[in-house]
N, C-alpha and C. Protein backbone atom coordinates (compact mmCIF):
# COMPACT_ATOMS: atom_id res chain seq x y z
N MET A 1 124.19 -48.47 40.73
CA MET A 1 125.17 -46.25 40.61
C MET A 1 124.22 -45.51 39.68
N SER A 2 123.95 -46.43 38.67
CA SER A 2 122.47 -45.82 37.43
C SER A 2 121.22 -45.11 38.58
N LYS A 3 121.37 -45.76 39.85
CA LYS A 3 119.94 -45.20 40.64
C LYS A 3 120.37 -44.07 41.28
N LYS A 4 121.48 -44.08 41.59
CA LYS A 4 121.98 -42.70 42.20
C LYS A 4 122.21 -40.99 41.71
N GLU A 5 123.25 -41.69 40.02
CA GLU A 5 122.80 -40.86 39.40
C GLU A 5 121.33 -40.37 38.84
N ASN A 6 120.77 -41.60 37.95
CA ASN A 6 118.98 -40.73 37.66
C ASN A 6 118.31 -40.12 39.25
N GLY A 7 118.51 -40.35 40.66
CA GLY A 7 118.31 -39.55 41.65
C GLY A 7 118.59 -38.19 41.91
N PHE A 8 119.78 -37.80 40.93
CA PHE A 8 120.78 -36.53 41.41
C PHE A 8 120.14 -36.03 40.19
N PHE A 9 120.22 -36.75 38.88
CA PHE A 9 119.30 -35.86 37.88
C PHE A 9 118.07 -35.35 38.07
N ALA A 10 117.00 -36.68 38.13
CA ALA A 10 115.80 -35.93 38.58
C ALA A 10 115.21 -35.20 39.79
N GLU A 11 116.73 -35.23 40.78
CA GLU A 11 116.92 -33.58 41.53
C GLU A 11 117.25 -32.55 40.95
N PHE A 12 118.60 -32.57 40.61
CA PHE A 12 118.72 -31.39 39.79
C PHE A 12 118.01 -31.18 38.61
N LYS A 13 116.96 -31.99 37.91
CA LYS A 13 115.49 -31.19 37.17
C LYS A 13 114.58 -30.80 37.24
N LYS A 14 114.57 -31.05 38.38
CA LYS A 14 113.83 -30.98 39.46
C LYS A 14 113.47 -29.69 39.91
N PHE A 15 114.80 -28.96 40.04
CA PHE A 15 115.63 -27.80 40.61
C PHE A 15 115.19 -27.11 39.82
N ILE A 16 115.93 -27.54 39.52
CA ILE A 16 115.91 -26.21 37.33
C ILE A 16 114.63 -26.08 37.18
N MET A 17 113.20 -26.93 37.50
CA MET A 17 112.35 -27.06 36.32
C MET A 17 111.41 -25.77 37.47
N ARG A 18 111.97 -25.15 39.07
CA ARG A 18 110.98 -24.69 39.23
C ARG A 18 111.04 -23.21 39.20
N GLY A 19 109.80 -22.80 39.12
CA GLY A 19 109.14 -21.17 38.94
C GLY A 19 110.29 -20.51 39.21
N ASN A 20 111.18 -20.25 40.37
CA ASN A 20 111.96 -18.99 40.98
C ASN A 20 113.06 -19.03 40.01
N VAL A 21 113.77 -20.33 39.82
CA VAL A 21 115.01 -20.44 39.31
C VAL A 21 114.41 -20.37 37.67
N MET A 22 113.60 -20.27 37.63
CA MET A 22 113.42 -19.89 36.18
C MET A 22 113.12 -18.59 36.44
N ASP A 23 112.33 -17.69 37.10
CA ASP A 23 112.63 -16.45 36.88
C ASP A 23 113.72 -15.68 37.09
N MET A 24 114.76 -16.35 37.62
CA MET A 24 116.34 -15.90 38.51
C MET A 24 116.89 -15.93 36.61
N ALA A 25 116.99 -16.84 36.72
CA ALA A 25 116.90 -16.98 35.09
C ALA A 25 116.91 -16.02 33.42
N VAL A 26 115.77 -15.64 33.72
CA VAL A 26 115.37 -14.55 32.63
C VAL A 26 115.78 -12.98 33.25
N GLY A 27 115.31 -12.79 34.78
CA GLY A 27 115.88 -12.14 35.65
C GLY A 27 117.81 -11.49 35.40
N VAL A 28 118.29 -12.68 34.98
CA VAL A 28 120.18 -12.23 34.81
C VAL A 28 119.89 -12.22 33.11
N ILE A 29 119.43 -12.46 31.71
CA ILE A 29 119.71 -12.62 30.96
C ILE A 29 118.91 -10.53 30.68
N VAL A 30 118.18 -11.15 31.33
CA VAL A 30 117.57 -9.31 31.35
C VAL A 30 118.31 -8.27 31.53
N GLY A 31 118.76 -9.05 32.88
CA GLY A 31 119.88 -7.55 33.51
C GLY A 31 120.93 -7.34 32.93
N GLY A 32 121.12 -9.05 31.80
CA GLY A 32 122.89 -8.17 31.11
C GLY A 32 122.43 -7.42 29.89
N ALA A 33 121.51 -8.29 29.04
CA ALA A 33 120.21 -6.85 28.00
C ALA A 33 120.75 -5.14 28.76
N PHE A 34 120.29 -5.34 30.18
CA PHE A 34 119.67 -3.77 30.70
C PHE A 34 121.33 -2.98 30.50
N THR A 35 121.95 -3.90 31.12
CA THR A 35 123.30 -3.44 31.79
C THR A 35 124.23 -3.09 30.16
N ALA A 36 124.48 -3.57 29.35
CA ALA A 36 124.52 -3.85 27.76
C ALA A 36 124.40 -2.08 27.41
N ILE A 37 122.69 -1.74 27.41
CA ILE A 37 122.25 -0.73 27.38
C ILE A 37 122.00 0.50 27.79
N VAL A 38 122.59 0.58 29.43
CA VAL A 38 123.25 1.80 30.19
C VAL A 38 124.95 1.24 30.25
N THR A 39 125.51 1.23 29.54
CA THR A 39 126.66 1.03 28.59
C THR A 39 127.10 1.64 28.33
N SER A 40 126.04 1.80 26.84
CA SER A 40 126.74 2.10 25.70
C SER A 40 126.06 3.42 25.79
N LEU A 41 124.37 3.35 26.77
CA LEU A 41 124.43 5.03 26.58
C LEU A 41 125.48 5.90 27.00
N ASN A 42 126.57 4.94 28.51
CA ASN A 42 127.08 6.35 29.02
C ASN A 42 128.68 6.09 27.81
N GLU A 43 128.93 5.05 27.06
CA GLU A 43 130.25 5.37 26.86
C GLU A 43 130.20 6.56 25.19
N ASP A 44 128.73 5.67 24.58
CA ASP A 44 128.78 6.37 23.28
C ASP A 44 127.79 7.80 23.39
N ILE A 45 127.03 8.53 24.30
CA ILE A 45 126.25 9.44 24.27
C ILE A 45 126.66 10.30 25.79
N LEU A 46 126.75 9.62 26.92
CA LEU A 46 127.18 10.91 28.23
C LEU A 46 128.71 11.18 28.05
N THR A 47 129.73 10.25 28.06
CA THR A 47 130.71 10.41 27.88
C THR A 47 131.48 11.92 26.94
N PRO A 48 130.45 11.30 25.59
CA PRO A 48 131.44 12.43 24.94
C PRO A 48 130.84 13.36 25.40
N ILE A 49 129.29 13.85 25.68
CA ILE A 49 128.89 15.18 26.23
C ILE A 49 129.34 15.85 27.34
N MET A 50 130.35 15.09 28.42
CA MET A 50 131.01 14.81 29.12
C MET A 50 132.02 15.53 28.85
N GLY A 51 132.88 15.10 27.93
CA GLY A 51 133.98 15.85 27.46
C GLY A 51 134.17 17.14 27.14
N ILE A 52 132.50 17.11 26.48
CA ILE A 52 132.56 18.79 25.64
C ILE A 52 132.70 19.18 26.75
N PHE A 53 132.17 19.28 28.07
CA PHE A 53 132.55 20.02 28.92
C PHE A 53 133.88 20.04 29.93
N GLY A 54 134.00 18.72 29.99
CA GLY A 54 135.06 18.25 30.98
C GLY A 54 136.81 18.58 29.64
N GLY A 55 135.98 18.56 28.70
CA GLY A 55 137.37 18.31 28.00
C GLY A 55 138.38 17.34 27.58
N THR A 56 137.72 16.01 28.67
CA THR A 56 137.88 14.16 29.17
C THR A 56 136.92 13.45 28.70
N ASP A 57 137.83 12.35 28.06
CA ASP A 57 137.11 11.11 27.56
C ASP A 57 137.54 10.43 28.89
N PHE A 58 136.60 9.58 29.70
CA PHE A 58 137.44 9.07 30.55
C PHE A 58 137.69 7.78 30.60
N SER A 59 137.44 7.27 29.49
CA SER A 59 137.57 6.22 29.59
C SER A 59 138.99 5.95 28.79
N TYR A 60 139.80 7.29 28.75
CA TYR A 60 141.57 6.55 28.85
C TYR A 60 142.24 7.97 29.42
N LEU A 61 141.87 7.84 31.25
CA LEU A 61 142.37 8.70 31.89
C LEU A 61 143.38 7.40 32.39
N LYS A 62 144.71 7.55 32.61
CA LYS A 62 145.18 6.28 32.80
C LYS A 62 146.53 6.61 33.41
N VAL A 63 147.29 5.96 34.48
CA VAL A 63 149.02 6.80 35.09
C VAL A 63 149.42 5.33 35.00
N THR A 64 150.77 5.68 34.27
CA THR A 64 151.50 4.39 33.78
C THR A 64 152.40 4.57 35.69
N LEU A 65 152.36 3.31 36.00
CA LEU A 65 153.85 3.09 36.56
C LEU A 65 154.71 2.58 36.37
N GLY A 66 155.85 3.33 36.46
CA GLY A 66 157.50 2.62 35.65
C GLY A 66 157.60 3.50 34.50
N SER A 67 158.67 2.79 33.41
CA SER A 67 158.93 3.63 32.87
C SER A 67 159.01 1.56 31.85
N GLY A 68 159.02 1.91 30.51
CA GLY A 68 159.46 0.60 29.39
C GLY A 68 157.87 0.49 29.00
N GLU A 69 158.11 -0.40 27.58
CA GLU A 69 156.72 -0.27 26.99
C GLU A 69 156.18 -1.41 28.47
N ASN A 70 156.35 -2.47 29.07
CA ASN A 70 155.83 -3.74 29.09
C ASN A 70 155.45 -3.26 30.67
N ALA A 71 155.57 -1.85 31.33
CA ALA A 71 155.56 -1.17 32.85
C ALA A 71 154.07 -1.19 33.01
N PRO A 72 153.49 -1.43 34.04
CA PRO A 72 151.69 -1.62 34.41
C PRO A 72 151.37 0.18 34.52
N THR A 73 149.81 -0.07 34.07
CA THR A 73 148.96 0.46 33.37
C THR A 73 147.66 0.54 34.26
N LEU A 74 147.43 1.70 35.28
CA LEU A 74 146.35 1.68 36.10
C LEU A 74 144.97 2.24 35.24
N MET A 75 144.44 2.17 34.47
CA MET A 75 143.07 2.97 33.95
C MET A 75 142.22 2.96 34.72
N TYR A 76 142.74 4.28 35.67
CA TYR A 76 141.19 4.63 36.36
C TYR A 76 140.47 4.91 35.13
N GLY A 77 139.88 5.69 34.50
CA GLY A 77 139.39 6.23 33.30
C GLY A 77 138.29 5.01 33.54
N ASN A 78 139.10 3.96 33.40
CA ASN A 78 137.51 3.04 33.20
C ASN A 78 136.95 2.35 34.00
N PHE A 79 137.66 2.47 34.99
CA PHE A 79 137.20 2.55 36.69
C PHE A 79 135.67 3.94 36.35
N ILE A 80 136.25 4.97 36.95
CA ILE A 80 135.05 5.55 36.42
C ILE A 80 134.38 5.59 35.79
N THR A 81 134.43 5.20 34.41
CA THR A 81 132.91 4.87 33.96
C THR A 81 131.86 4.02 34.33
N ALA A 82 132.82 2.84 34.73
CA ALA A 82 132.41 2.13 35.41
C ALA A 82 131.20 2.76 36.81
N ILE A 83 131.86 3.24 37.78
CA ILE A 83 131.27 3.72 38.71
C ILE A 83 130.05 4.78 37.83
N ILE A 84 130.06 5.16 36.90
CA ILE A 84 129.29 5.95 35.89
C ILE A 84 128.04 5.10 35.52
N ASN A 85 128.19 4.34 35.29
CA ASN A 85 127.05 2.82 35.10
C ASN A 85 126.36 2.38 35.70
N PHE A 86 126.79 1.72 37.49
CA PHE A 86 126.44 1.42 38.00
C PHE A 86 125.42 2.72 38.94
N LEU A 87 125.86 3.84 39.01
CA LEU A 87 124.64 4.82 39.25
C LEU A 87 123.48 5.15 38.19
N ILE A 88 123.75 5.38 36.96
CA ILE A 88 123.00 5.29 36.11
C ILE A 88 122.03 4.09 36.39
N THR A 89 122.52 2.34 36.41
CA THR A 89 122.09 1.73 36.73
C THR A 89 120.81 1.77 37.86
N ALA A 90 121.43 2.23 38.99
CA ALA A 90 120.74 1.84 40.74
C ALA A 90 120.04 3.20 39.90
N LEU A 91 119.70 4.30 39.45
CA LEU A 91 119.41 5.31 38.92
C LEU A 91 117.49 5.01 38.58
N VAL A 92 117.81 4.24 37.19
CA VAL A 92 116.64 3.44 36.86
C VAL A 92 116.49 2.67 37.57
N ILE A 93 116.56 1.46 37.95
CA ILE A 93 115.90 0.58 39.04
C ILE A 93 115.18 0.85 39.76
N PHE A 94 115.59 2.88 40.73
CA PHE A 94 115.09 2.58 41.23
C PHE A 94 113.91 4.27 40.94
N VAL A 95 114.23 4.45 39.72
CA VAL A 95 112.51 4.74 39.81
C VAL A 95 112.13 3.82 38.82
N ILE A 96 111.93 2.72 38.38
CA ILE A 96 111.91 1.66 37.64
C ILE A 96 110.57 1.26 38.49
N ILE A 97 111.43 0.72 40.35
CA ILE A 97 110.69 0.55 41.72
C ILE A 97 109.52 1.56 42.06
N LYS A 98 110.44 2.46 42.20
CA LYS A 98 109.36 3.67 42.54
C LYS A 98 107.76 3.91 41.77
N LEU A 99 108.30 3.74 40.47
CA LEU A 99 106.93 3.44 39.63
C LEU A 99 105.61 2.16 40.21
N ILE A 100 106.60 1.32 40.10
CA ILE A 100 105.41 -0.08 40.20
C ILE A 100 104.93 -0.10 41.31
N ASN A 101 105.78 0.58 42.71
CA ASN A 101 105.02 0.52 43.84
C ASN A 101 104.04 1.88 43.91
N LYS A 102 104.07 2.66 43.03
CA LYS A 102 103.08 3.13 43.27
C LYS A 102 102.25 2.96 42.02
N ALA A 103 102.38 2.14 41.27
CA ALA A 103 101.13 1.35 40.76
C ALA A 103 100.80 0.65 41.97
N ASN A 104 101.12 0.00 42.34
CA ASN A 104 100.77 -0.87 42.91
C ASN A 104 99.94 -0.61 44.18
N ASP A 105 99.93 0.65 44.64
CA ASP A 105 99.55 1.32 45.69
C ASP A 105 98.35 1.72 45.26
N LYS A 106 98.25 1.84 44.10
CA LYS A 106 97.02 2.92 43.25
C LYS A 106 96.05 1.76 43.62
N VAL A 107 96.72 0.60 43.21
CA VAL A 107 95.51 -0.65 43.30
C VAL A 107 94.90 -1.11 43.81
N SER A 108 95.84 -1.36 45.14
CA SER A 108 95.27 -2.14 46.17
C SER A 108 94.50 -0.69 47.06
N SER A 109 94.77 0.16 47.59
CA SER A 109 93.54 1.37 47.51
C SER A 109 92.52 1.15 47.33
N LYS A 110 92.34 1.30 45.68
CA LYS A 110 90.99 1.03 44.84
C LYS A 110 90.35 -0.32 45.64
N PHE A 111 91.37 -1.90 45.52
CA PHE A 111 90.79 -2.49 46.14
C PHE A 111 90.24 -2.63 47.61
N SER A 112 90.81 -1.67 48.40
CA SER A 112 90.68 -1.59 49.45
C SER A 112 90.31 -0.87 49.41
N LYS A 113 89.64 0.03 48.93
CA LYS A 113 88.00 0.78 49.07
C LYS A 113 86.85 -0.10 48.93
N GLY A 114 86.98 -0.94 48.27
CA GLY A 114 86.33 -1.42 47.50
C GLY A 114 85.77 -2.18 48.92
N GLU A 115 86.57 -3.13 49.50
CA GLU A 115 86.28 -3.89 50.78
C GLU A 115 85.59 -2.72 51.88
N GLU A 116 86.01 -1.84 52.00
CA GLU A 116 85.14 -0.89 53.31
C GLU A 116 84.42 -0.67 52.83
N GLU A 117 84.20 -0.58 52.23
CA GLU A 117 82.54 -0.23 51.69
C GLU A 117 81.32 -1.10 51.57
N GLU A 118 81.75 -2.27 51.56
CA GLU A 118 80.54 -3.78 51.09
C GLU A 118 80.67 -3.65 52.41
N ALA A 119 81.67 -3.50 53.31
CA ALA A 119 81.77 -4.22 55.48
C ALA A 119 81.20 -3.12 55.76
N ALA A 120 79.90 -3.43 55.90
CA ALA A 120 78.69 -2.46 56.75
C ALA A 120 78.92 -2.87 57.93
N PRO A 121 78.93 -2.19 59.38
CA PRO A 121 79.05 -2.58 61.03
C PRO A 121 77.79 -3.94 60.70
N THR A 122 77.43 -5.09 61.04
CA THR A 122 76.59 -5.59 61.83
C THR A 122 76.19 -5.47 63.32
N GLU A 123 76.97 -4.62 63.91
CA GLU A 123 76.52 -4.32 65.43
C GLU A 123 76.25 -3.17 65.82
N LYS A 124 75.61 -2.74 66.67
CA LYS A 124 75.84 -1.27 67.68
C LYS A 124 76.23 -2.05 68.70
N GLU A 125 75.98 -0.55 69.65
CA GLU A 125 76.41 -0.75 71.19
C GLU A 125 74.57 -0.35 72.05
N CYS A 126 74.47 -1.15 72.98
CA CYS A 126 73.23 -0.77 73.61
C CYS A 126 73.10 0.67 74.24
N PRO A 127 73.20 1.49 74.55
CA PRO A 127 72.83 2.49 75.12
C PRO A 127 73.10 2.68 76.79
N TYR A 128 72.43 1.65 77.32
CA TYR A 128 71.62 1.70 78.41
C TYR A 128 73.04 0.50 79.53
N CYS A 129 73.40 -0.19 78.64
CA CYS A 129 73.84 -1.60 79.40
C CYS A 129 75.79 -1.74 78.01
N LYS A 130 75.67 -1.08 77.40
CA LYS A 130 76.77 -0.97 76.61
C LYS A 130 77.33 -1.91 76.58
N THR A 131 76.35 -3.35 76.27
CA THR A 131 76.60 -4.18 75.52
C THR A 131 76.46 -4.15 74.04
N MET A 132 77.39 -5.36 73.04
CA MET A 132 76.92 -5.25 71.16
C MET A 132 76.26 -6.25 71.44
N ILE A 133 75.67 -6.10 70.53
CA ILE A 133 74.43 -6.38 70.06
C ILE A 133 73.94 -6.13 68.74
N HIS A 134 73.02 -6.96 67.93
CA HIS A 134 72.46 -6.68 66.73
C HIS A 134 72.46 -5.87 65.90
N ILE A 135 72.93 -5.15 64.63
CA ILE A 135 72.45 -4.04 64.76
C ILE A 135 70.62 -3.35 64.51
N ASP A 136 70.23 -5.24 63.75
CA ASP A 136 69.05 -4.76 63.39
C ASP A 136 67.97 -4.29 65.00
N ALA A 137 68.48 -4.89 65.79
CA ALA A 137 67.92 -5.17 67.20
C ALA A 137 66.62 -4.41 68.07
N THR A 138 65.36 -4.44 67.95
CA THR A 138 64.85 -3.19 68.64
C THR A 138 64.42 -3.38 70.48
N ARG A 139 65.20 -4.31 70.80
CA ARG A 139 64.95 -4.65 72.03
C ARG A 139 66.40 -4.64 72.83
N CYS A 140 67.40 -5.05 73.76
CA CYS A 140 68.28 -5.28 74.00
C CYS A 140 67.63 -6.71 74.85
N PRO A 141 69.06 -8.02 74.12
CA PRO A 141 68.68 -9.25 74.62
C PRO A 141 69.30 -8.91 76.26
N ASN A 142 70.16 -8.08 76.40
CA ASN A 142 70.61 -8.13 77.56
C ASN A 142 69.92 -7.76 78.89
N CYS A 143 69.66 -6.56 78.58
CA CYS A 143 68.61 -6.04 80.06
C CYS A 143 67.56 -5.47 79.05
N THR A 144 67.17 -5.67 78.09
CA THR A 144 65.80 -5.77 77.50
C THR A 144 65.57 -4.51 77.10
N SER A 145 66.01 -3.42 77.07
CA SER A 145 65.61 -1.94 76.85
C SER A 145 65.36 -1.97 76.32
N GLU A 146 63.68 -0.97 76.11
CA GLU A 146 63.09 -0.63 74.21
C GLU A 146 64.43 0.12 73.91
N LEU A 147 64.67 0.30 72.44
CA LEU A 147 65.97 0.44 71.34
C LEU A 147 65.83 1.42 70.38
N ASP A 148 65.45 2.78 70.61
CA ASP A 148 65.95 3.62 69.61
C ASP A 148 65.86 3.39 68.20
N LYS A 149 64.76 3.65 67.01
CA LYS A 149 65.55 3.68 65.51
C LYS A 149 66.29 3.90 65.30
């Protein structure tokens, strides 16, 4: 039985220590911190500003279903706040990814320009027989015609 446990735990340890699992864990932690920042931005800054213009703080919007102390309450203001948080998060992620892609395009275009400049043609076409020959050839090896320099 201990052999199976060692095998199971060894396999689990191998799974956890793989690079992509660790990257994902870091992403989840950073994502949680980022969500807290966006939530604070929405609740502490944007909602009060929108309250000035609309006269309402979304977090307090609710509908009571029924009467009495224990009547269920729909807190639709919290739902509106969650939607705003999502939209802000999506916008920020979109902008970040757009900037990263733009930077990657600039870097890759610099590398591809360098590769294009280095790759000079090594062959040319014989004007008489239309076969491809070495660029430095002065006579075509196929039709034996003399070539202009």
